Amino acid sequence: MATKVERLDRLKAKIAAMAPAARAEIQKALVESGEEIANLARHLAPKKSGALARSIGSTLGAYTPDNSNVRGVSAGGGNDLSVTVHAGDENAYYAAFVEFGTAPHRQKRNPFNGGEHPGSKAVPFFFPAYRAGKKRAKSRIARAVNRAAKKVASK
């Protein structure tokens, strides 16, 4: 039993038109969600000097810090349909140390005569913000895809 689809050419044209429309809507939702997560992370970050909070941001696509030796904390991908939320820069290189804490260790430099550092407790700020905003971001992206589909279908 064969099925015939009427006006198949119109359907194919609408599907092809959906890709650019969906991309624009999704990018807008990603930027909004990334900034929302970054704002929450800034709020949760400890503010001893304020450098850590100032280093938190979001970037559409891949984030590449100016100083490649900086080890920060980031979550995201690398294309234009991803958003990277990042923490840490050349002034706040310690973002991961704050997020995850440090174990007791021997001082390599000599300001304390090579003594033992007791370690530091973790003060999570980045991943709690990510977990809090993840569900809302997924919903926002789903709504963006639906909006794009409706725009294309109405034309």
N, C-alpha and C. Protein backbone atom coordinates (compact mmCIF):
# COMPACT_ATOMS: atom_id res chain seq x y z
N MET A 1 0.84 -1.17 0.00
CA MET A 1 0.00 0.00 0.00
C MET A 1 0.90 1.24 0.00
N ALA A 2 0.82 2.02 -1.01
CA ALA A 2 1.66 3.20 -1.16
C ALA A 2 0.92 4.43 -0.67
N THR A 3 1.68 5.37 -0.11
CA THR A 3 1.11 6.63 0.37
C THR A 3 1.64 7.75 -0.49
N LYS A 4 0.75 8.63 -0.90
CA LYS A 4 1.15 9.76 -1.72
C LYS A 4 1.04 11.04 -0.91
N VAL A 5 2.12 11.81 -0.90
CA VAL A 5 2.13 13.09 -0.19
C VAL A 5 1.89 14.19 -1.22
N GLU A 6 0.80 14.91 -1.02
CA GLU A 6 0.50 16.00 -1.93
C GLU A 6 1.33 17.22 -1.56
N ARG A 7 1.72 17.99 -2.57
CA ARG A 7 2.50 19.21 -2.41
C ARG A 7 3.80 18.95 -1.64
N LEU A 8 4.46 17.88 -1.97
CA LEU A 8 5.72 17.51 -1.33
C LEU A 8 6.78 18.58 -1.54
N ASP A 9 6.78 19.20 -2.70
CA ASP A 9 7.76 20.25 -2.97
C ASP A 9 7.60 21.43 -2.01
N ARG A 10 6.37 21.79 -1.66
CA ARG A 10 6.14 22.88 -0.70
C ARG A 10 6.62 22.49 0.69
N LEU A 11 6.39 21.24 1.08
CA LEU A 11 6.84 20.76 2.39
C LEU A 11 8.36 20.80 2.48
N LYS A 12 9.03 20.33 1.41
CA LYS A 12 10.50 20.34 1.40
C LYS A 12 11.04 21.77 1.47
N ALA A 13 10.39 22.69 0.79
CA ALA A 13 10.83 24.09 0.82
C ALA A 13 10.68 24.68 2.22
N LYS A 14 9.60 24.35 2.92
CA LYS A 14 9.39 24.84 4.28
C LYS A 14 10.42 24.26 5.24
N ILE A 15 10.74 23.00 5.07
CA ILE A 15 11.76 22.38 5.94
C ILE A 15 13.13 23.02 5.70
N ALA A 16 13.45 23.28 4.44
CA ALA A 16 14.74 23.92 4.12
C ALA A 16 14.78 25.35 4.68
N ALA A 17 13.65 26.04 4.66
CA ALA A 17 13.59 27.41 5.18
C ALA A 17 13.66 27.44 6.70
N MET A 18 13.31 26.35 7.33
CA MET A 18 13.29 26.32 8.79
C MET A 18 14.69 26.38 9.38
N ALA A 19 15.68 25.82 8.73
CA ALA A 19 17.03 25.77 9.29
C ALA A 19 17.57 27.16 9.67
N PRO A 20 17.59 28.15 8.75
CA PRO A 20 18.10 29.47 9.15
C PRO A 20 17.24 30.15 10.21
N ALA A 21 15.92 29.99 10.09
CA ALA A 21 15.03 30.60 11.08
C ALA A 21 15.24 29.98 12.45
N ALA A 22 15.35 28.66 12.48
CA ALA A 22 15.57 27.96 13.75
C ALA A 22 16.92 28.35 14.35
N ARG A 23 17.94 28.45 13.51
CA ARG A 23 19.29 28.81 13.98
C ARG A 23 19.26 30.18 14.68
N ALA A 24 18.60 31.15 14.08
CA ALA A 24 18.54 32.49 14.68
C ALA A 24 17.79 32.48 16.00
N GLU A 25 16.67 31.78 16.05
CA GLU A 25 15.88 31.69 17.28
C GLU A 25 16.65 30.97 18.39
N ILE A 26 17.32 29.87 18.02
CA ILE A 26 18.08 29.09 19.00
C ILE A 26 19.26 29.91 19.53
N GLN A 27 19.96 30.62 18.65
CA GLN A 27 21.08 31.45 19.10
C GLN A 27 20.62 32.50 20.09
N LYS A 28 19.49 33.11 19.82
CA LYS A 28 18.95 34.12 20.73
C LYS A 28 18.65 33.49 22.10
N ALA A 29 18.04 32.30 22.10
CA ALA A 29 17.74 31.61 23.35
C ALA A 29 19.01 31.20 24.08
N LEU A 30 20.03 30.77 23.34
CA LEU A 30 21.30 30.38 23.96
C LEU A 30 21.99 31.56 24.62
N VAL A 31 22.03 32.69 23.95
CA VAL A 31 22.66 33.88 24.51
C VAL A 31 21.95 34.29 25.80
N GLU A 32 20.63 34.30 25.77
CA GLU A 32 19.84 34.68 26.95
C GLU A 32 20.09 33.70 28.10
N SER A 33 20.09 32.41 27.81
CA SER A 33 20.31 31.40 28.85
C SER A 33 21.72 31.46 29.40
N GLY A 34 22.71 31.63 28.54
CA GLY A 34 24.10 31.73 28.99
C GLY A 34 24.31 32.92 29.90
N GLU A 35 23.73 34.05 29.54
CA GLU A 35 23.88 35.24 30.37
C GLU A 35 23.16 35.07 31.71
N GLU A 36 22.03 34.38 31.69
CA GLU A 36 21.29 34.13 32.93
C GLU A 36 22.12 33.25 33.89
N ILE A 37 22.73 32.20 33.36
CA ILE A 37 23.56 31.32 34.17
C ILE A 37 24.80 32.07 34.67
N ALA A 38 25.41 32.88 33.81
CA ALA A 38 26.59 33.65 34.22
C ALA A 38 26.23 34.66 35.32
N ASN A 39 25.09 35.30 35.21
CA ASN A 39 24.67 36.25 36.25
C ASN A 39 24.48 35.55 37.60
N LEU A 40 23.88 34.37 37.57
CA LEU A 40 23.70 33.62 38.82
C LEU A 40 25.05 33.19 39.39
N ALA A 41 25.97 32.75 38.54
CA ALA A 41 27.30 32.36 39.00
C ALA A 41 28.03 33.57 39.60
N ARG A 42 27.89 34.74 38.98
CA ARG A 42 28.51 35.96 39.54
C ARG A 42 27.95 36.25 40.92
N HIS A 43 26.65 36.05 41.06
CA HIS A 43 26.00 36.30 42.35
C HIS A 43 26.50 35.32 43.42
N LEU A 44 26.71 34.06 43.04
CA LEU A 44 27.13 33.03 43.99
C LEU A 44 28.63 33.04 44.29
N ALA A 45 29.42 33.65 43.41
CA ALA A 45 30.88 33.64 43.56
C ALA A 45 31.30 34.44 44.79
N PRO A 46 32.31 33.94 45.52
CA PRO A 46 32.82 34.73 46.65
C PRO A 46 33.43 36.03 46.14
N LYS A 47 33.26 37.09 46.90
CA LYS A 47 33.68 38.41 46.41
C LYS A 47 34.73 39.04 47.29
N LYS A 48 35.82 38.32 47.53
CA LYS A 48 36.91 38.87 48.34
C LYS A 48 37.51 40.09 47.66
N SER A 49 37.93 39.96 46.40
CA SER A 49 38.46 41.11 45.65
C SER A 49 37.52 41.49 44.50
N GLY A 50 36.64 40.61 44.11
CA GLY A 50 35.72 40.86 43.01
C GLY A 50 36.24 40.40 41.66
N ALA A 51 37.51 39.98 41.59
CA ALA A 51 38.10 39.56 40.31
C ALA A 51 37.43 38.30 39.78
N LEU A 52 37.09 37.37 40.66
CA LEU A 52 36.46 36.12 40.22
C LEU A 52 35.10 36.40 39.61
N ALA A 53 34.29 37.21 40.28
CA ALA A 53 32.96 37.53 39.76
C ALA A 53 33.06 38.27 38.43
N ARG A 54 34.04 39.15 38.29
CA ARG A 54 34.21 39.89 37.03
C ARG A 54 34.67 38.99 35.89
N SER A 55 35.31 37.87 36.22
CA SER A 55 35.82 36.98 35.17
C SER A 55 34.75 36.05 34.60
N ILE A 56 33.59 36.00 35.22
CA ILE A 56 32.53 35.10 34.78
C ILE A 56 31.76 35.74 33.63
N GLY A 57 31.56 34.97 32.57
CA GLY A 57 30.82 35.48 31.42
C GLY A 57 30.31 34.35 30.55
N SER A 58 29.64 34.71 29.48
CA SER A 58 29.16 33.71 28.53
C SER A 58 29.49 34.19 27.12
N THR A 59 29.76 33.22 26.25
CA THR A 59 30.15 33.50 24.88
C THR A 59 29.41 32.54 23.96
N LEU A 60 28.83 33.06 22.90
CA LEU A 60 28.20 32.19 21.92
C LEU A 60 29.31 31.44 21.18
N GLY A 61 29.24 30.12 21.17
CA GLY A 61 30.28 29.30 20.56
C GLY A 61 31.39 29.01 21.53
N ALA A 62 32.58 28.77 21.02
CA ALA A 62 33.73 28.41 21.85
C ALA A 62 34.35 29.65 22.47
N TYR A 63 34.84 29.52 23.68
CA TYR A 63 35.54 30.59 24.38
C TYR A 63 37.02 30.28 24.37
N THR A 64 37.82 31.21 23.92
CA THR A 64 39.27 31.03 23.95
C THR A 64 39.86 32.21 24.71
N PRO A 65 40.38 31.97 25.90
CA PRO A 65 40.95 33.08 26.68
C PRO A 65 42.20 33.62 26.01
N ASP A 66 42.47 34.89 26.23
CA ASP A 66 43.66 35.52 25.66
C ASP A 66 44.93 34.83 26.14
N ASN A 67 44.93 34.43 27.40
CA ASN A 67 46.08 33.78 27.98
C ASN A 67 45.80 32.28 28.02
N SER A 68 46.40 31.52 27.13
CA SER A 68 46.09 30.09 27.03
C SER A 68 46.57 29.28 28.22
N ASN A 69 47.39 29.87 29.10
CA ASN A 69 47.85 29.15 30.29
C ASN A 69 46.83 29.19 31.41
N VAL A 70 45.79 30.03 31.27
CA VAL A 70 44.79 30.14 32.31
C VAL A 70 43.94 28.89 32.35
N ARG A 71 43.80 28.32 33.50
CA ARG A 71 42.94 27.16 33.67
C ARG A 71 41.71 27.60 34.46
N GLY A 72 40.58 27.70 33.79
CA GLY A 72 39.36 28.12 34.44
C GLY A 72 38.36 27.00 34.46
N VAL A 73 37.12 27.35 34.66
CA VAL A 73 36.02 26.40 34.67
C VAL A 73 35.10 26.82 33.54
N SER A 74 34.70 25.88 32.68
CA SER A 74 33.77 26.25 31.62
C SER A 74 32.87 25.08 31.29
N ALA A 75 31.71 25.42 30.76
CA ALA A 75 30.77 24.41 30.30
C ALA A 75 30.23 24.89 28.98
N GLY A 76 30.35 24.11 27.96
CA GLY A 76 29.85 24.54 26.66
C GLY A 76 30.55 23.81 25.55
N GLY A 77 30.18 24.17 24.34
CA GLY A 77 30.72 23.49 23.17
C GLY A 77 31.53 24.43 22.33
N GLY A 78 31.55 24.16 21.03
CA GLY A 78 32.42 24.94 20.20
C GLY A 78 31.84 25.47 18.91
N ASN A 79 30.55 25.30 18.65
CA ASN A 79 30.02 25.84 17.39
C ASN A 79 29.05 26.97 17.68
N ASP A 80 28.45 27.52 16.63
CA ASP A 80 27.57 28.67 16.83
C ASP A 80 26.19 28.29 17.38
N LEU A 81 25.94 27.01 17.58
CA LEU A 81 24.71 26.58 18.26
C LEU A 81 25.05 26.04 19.64
N SER A 82 25.99 26.68 20.29
CA SER A 82 26.32 26.36 21.67
C SER A 82 26.71 27.66 22.36
N VAL A 83 26.63 27.63 23.66
CA VAL A 83 27.05 28.78 24.45
C VAL A 83 28.03 28.26 25.49
N THR A 84 29.08 29.01 25.73
CA THR A 84 30.08 28.64 26.72
C THR A 84 30.00 29.63 27.87
N VAL A 85 29.74 29.11 29.06
CA VAL A 85 29.78 29.93 30.27
C VAL A 85 31.13 29.66 30.90
N HIS A 86 31.88 30.71 31.20
CA HIS A 86 33.26 30.53 31.65
C HIS A 86 33.54 31.37 32.89
N ALA A 87 34.49 30.90 33.68
CA ALA A 87 34.94 31.61 34.87
C ALA A 87 36.45 31.48 34.94
N GLY A 88 37.11 32.57 35.25
CA GLY A 88 38.55 32.55 35.37
C GLY A 88 39.20 33.27 34.21
N ASP A 89 40.19 34.08 34.52
CA ASP A 89 41.00 34.76 33.52
C ASP A 89 42.37 34.98 34.12
N GLU A 90 43.18 35.85 33.50
CA GLU A 90 44.54 36.04 34.02
C GLU A 90 44.55 36.64 35.42
N ASN A 91 43.49 37.36 35.80
CA ASN A 91 43.42 37.93 37.15
C ASN A 91 42.77 36.99 38.15
N ALA A 92 41.95 36.09 37.67
CA ALA A 92 41.24 35.14 38.55
C ALA A 92 41.54 33.72 38.09
N TYR A 93 42.82 33.39 38.03
CA TYR A 93 43.26 32.07 37.57
C TYR A 93 42.83 30.96 38.52
N TYR A 94 42.38 31.32 39.69
CA TYR A 94 42.07 30.38 40.76
C TYR A 94 40.60 29.92 40.76
N ALA A 95 39.87 30.15 39.69
CA ALA A 95 38.44 29.83 39.65
C ALA A 95 38.19 28.36 39.99
N ALA A 96 38.96 27.45 39.40
CA ALA A 96 38.76 26.02 39.67
C ALA A 96 39.13 25.67 41.11
N PHE A 97 40.14 26.36 41.68
CA PHE A 97 40.52 26.10 43.07
C PHE A 97 39.39 26.46 44.01
N VAL A 98 38.70 27.56 43.71
CA VAL A 98 37.57 27.99 44.55
C VAL A 98 36.40 27.03 44.37
N GLU A 99 36.10 26.68 43.12
CA GLU A 99 34.96 25.80 42.84
C GLU A 99 35.10 24.43 43.47
N PHE A 100 36.29 23.82 43.36
CA PHE A 100 36.47 22.44 43.79
C PHE A 100 37.28 22.30 45.08
N GLY A 101 37.91 23.37 45.55
CA GLY A 101 38.76 23.30 46.73
C GLY A 101 40.12 22.73 46.39
N THR A 102 41.01 22.72 47.38
CA THR A 102 42.34 22.15 47.19
C THR A 102 42.66 21.21 48.33
N ALA A 103 43.49 20.24 48.06
CA ALA A 103 43.93 19.29 49.08
C ALA A 103 45.13 19.87 49.81
N PRO A 104 45.38 19.41 51.02
CA PRO A 104 46.60 19.84 51.70
C PRO A 104 47.82 19.49 50.84
N HIS A 105 48.78 20.41 50.80
CA HIS A 105 49.94 20.19 49.96
C HIS A 105 51.14 20.99 50.46
N ARG A 106 52.31 20.57 50.03
CA ARG A 106 53.54 21.28 50.38
C ARG A 106 53.68 22.48 49.46
N GLN A 107 54.04 23.62 50.04
CA GLN A 107 54.24 24.84 49.28
C GLN A 107 55.47 24.70 48.40
N LYS A 108 55.35 24.98 47.12
CA LYS A 108 56.49 24.90 46.22
C LYS A 108 57.31 26.18 46.27
N ARG A 109 56.64 27.29 46.41
CA ARG A 109 57.36 28.56 46.52
C ARG A 109 57.79 28.73 47.97
N ASN A 110 58.59 29.71 48.25
CA ASN A 110 59.18 29.81 49.57
C ASN A 110 58.65 30.94 50.44
N PRO A 111 57.44 31.48 50.24
CA PRO A 111 57.02 32.55 51.15
C PRO A 111 56.78 32.03 52.57
N PHE A 112 56.47 30.75 52.69
CA PHE A 112 56.23 30.17 54.01
C PHE A 112 57.28 29.13 54.33
N ASN A 113 58.47 29.33 53.80
CA ASN A 113 59.60 28.42 54.04
C ASN A 113 59.27 26.98 53.67
N GLY A 114 58.55 26.80 52.58
CA GLY A 114 58.25 25.45 52.10
C GLY A 114 57.32 24.68 53.02
N GLY A 115 56.48 25.38 53.77
CA GLY A 115 55.60 24.72 54.72
C GLY A 115 54.43 24.03 54.06
N GLU A 116 53.62 23.41 54.88
CA GLU A 116 52.43 22.71 54.41
C GLU A 116 51.27 23.69 54.31
N HIS A 117 50.56 23.64 53.20
CA HIS A 117 49.33 24.41 53.05
C HIS A 117 48.20 23.50 53.50
N PRO A 118 47.29 23.97 54.35
CA PRO A 118 46.23 23.08 54.87
C PRO A 118 45.16 22.72 53.84
N GLY A 119 45.21 23.32 52.67
CA GLY A 119 44.17 23.10 51.67
C GLY A 119 43.05 24.10 51.88
N SER A 120 42.09 24.09 51.00
CA SER A 120 40.95 25.00 51.13
C SER A 120 39.68 24.26 50.80
N LYS A 121 38.62 24.65 51.47
CA LYS A 121 37.32 24.03 51.22
C LYS A 121 36.74 24.55 49.91
N ALA A 122 35.98 23.70 49.28
CA ALA A 122 35.31 24.09 48.03
C ALA A 122 34.21 25.11 48.34
N VAL A 123 34.11 26.10 47.49
CA VAL A 123 33.02 27.08 47.55
C VAL A 123 32.37 27.07 46.17
N PRO A 124 31.49 26.08 45.93
CA PRO A 124 30.90 25.95 44.59
C PRO A 124 30.05 27.17 44.23
N PHE A 125 30.28 27.71 43.06
CA PHE A 125 29.50 28.83 42.56
C PHE A 125 29.10 28.60 41.11
N PHE A 126 29.94 27.89 40.36
CA PHE A 126 29.75 27.74 38.92
C PHE A 126 28.74 26.63 38.60
N PHE A 127 29.00 25.42 39.06
CA PHE A 127 28.12 24.31 38.70
C PHE A 127 26.75 24.39 39.38
N PRO A 128 26.62 24.94 40.59
CA PRO A 128 25.26 25.16 41.11
C PRO A 128 24.45 26.11 40.22
N ALA A 129 25.10 27.14 39.70
CA ALA A 129 24.41 28.06 38.78
C ALA A 129 24.02 27.35 37.50
N TYR A 130 24.94 26.51 36.99
CA TYR A 130 24.66 25.74 35.77
C TYR A 130 23.48 24.80 35.99
N ARG A 131 23.51 24.06 37.09
CA ARG A 131 22.42 23.10 37.36
C ARG A 131 21.09 23.83 37.56
N ALA A 132 21.12 25.00 38.19
CA ALA A 132 19.89 25.76 38.42
C ALA A 132 19.31 26.29 37.11
N GLY A 133 20.16 26.64 36.15
CA GLY A 133 19.67 27.24 34.91
C GLY A 133 19.48 26.27 33.76
N LYS A 134 19.94 25.02 33.92
CA LYS A 134 19.92 24.06 32.81
C LYS A 134 18.50 23.75 32.32
N LYS A 135 17.59 23.48 33.23
CA LYS A 135 16.22 23.11 32.85
C LYS A 135 15.53 24.29 32.14
N ARG A 136 15.73 25.47 32.68
CA ARG A 136 15.11 26.65 32.07
C ARG A 136 15.69 26.91 30.68
N ALA A 137 16.99 26.68 30.52
CA ALA A 137 17.64 26.86 29.21
C ALA A 137 17.08 25.87 28.20
N LYS A 138 16.92 24.61 28.60
CA LYS A 138 16.36 23.61 27.69
C LYS A 138 14.96 24.00 27.25
N SER A 139 14.15 24.47 28.19
CA SER A 139 12.79 24.89 27.85
C SER A 139 12.80 26.09 26.90
N ARG A 140 13.70 27.03 27.15
CA ARG A 140 13.80 28.22 26.30
C ARG A 140 14.18 27.83 24.88
N ILE A 141 15.10 26.88 24.74
CA ILE A 141 15.54 26.43 23.42
C ILE A 141 14.41 25.69 22.70
N ALA A 142 13.67 24.85 23.43
CA ALA A 142 12.54 24.14 22.84
C ALA A 142 11.48 25.13 22.34
N ARG A 143 11.22 26.17 23.12
CA ARG A 143 10.26 27.19 22.69
C ARG A 143 10.77 27.92 21.45
N ALA A 144 12.07 28.16 21.38
CA ALA A 144 12.65 28.83 20.21
C ALA A 144 12.48 27.99 18.95
N VAL A 145 12.70 26.68 19.07
CA VAL A 145 12.53 25.79 17.91
C VAL A 145 11.06 25.79 17.47
N ASN A 146 10.15 25.73 18.44
CA ASN A 146 8.72 25.74 18.10
C ASN A 146 8.33 27.06 17.44
N ARG A 147 8.84 28.19 17.94
CA ARG A 147 8.55 29.49 17.34
C ARG A 147 9.05 29.53 15.90
N ALA A 148 10.25 29.03 15.69
CA ALA A 148 10.81 29.02 14.32
C ALA A 148 9.97 28.14 13.39
N ALA A 149 9.55 26.99 13.88
CA ALA A 149 8.72 26.10 13.06
C ALA A 149 7.40 26.75 12.71
N LYS A 150 6.80 27.44 13.66
CA LYS A 150 5.52 28.12 13.41
C LYS A 150 5.68 29.27 12.41
N LYS A 151 6.81 30.00 12.52
CA LYS A 151 7.07 31.09 11.56
C LYS A 151 7.16 30.55 10.15
N VAL A 152 7.92 29.48 10.00
CA VAL A 152 8.12 28.90 8.67
C VAL A 152 6.82 28.30 8.15
N ALA A 153 6.06 27.64 9.00
CA ALA A 153 4.82 27.00 8.56
C ALA A 153 3.77 28.03 8.17
N SER A 154 3.79 29.21 8.78
CA SER A 154 2.77 30.21 8.46
C SER A 154 3.05 30.92 7.14
N LYS A 155 4.26 30.77 6.60
CA LYS A 155 4.58 31.45 5.33
C LYS A 155 4.13 30.66 4.14
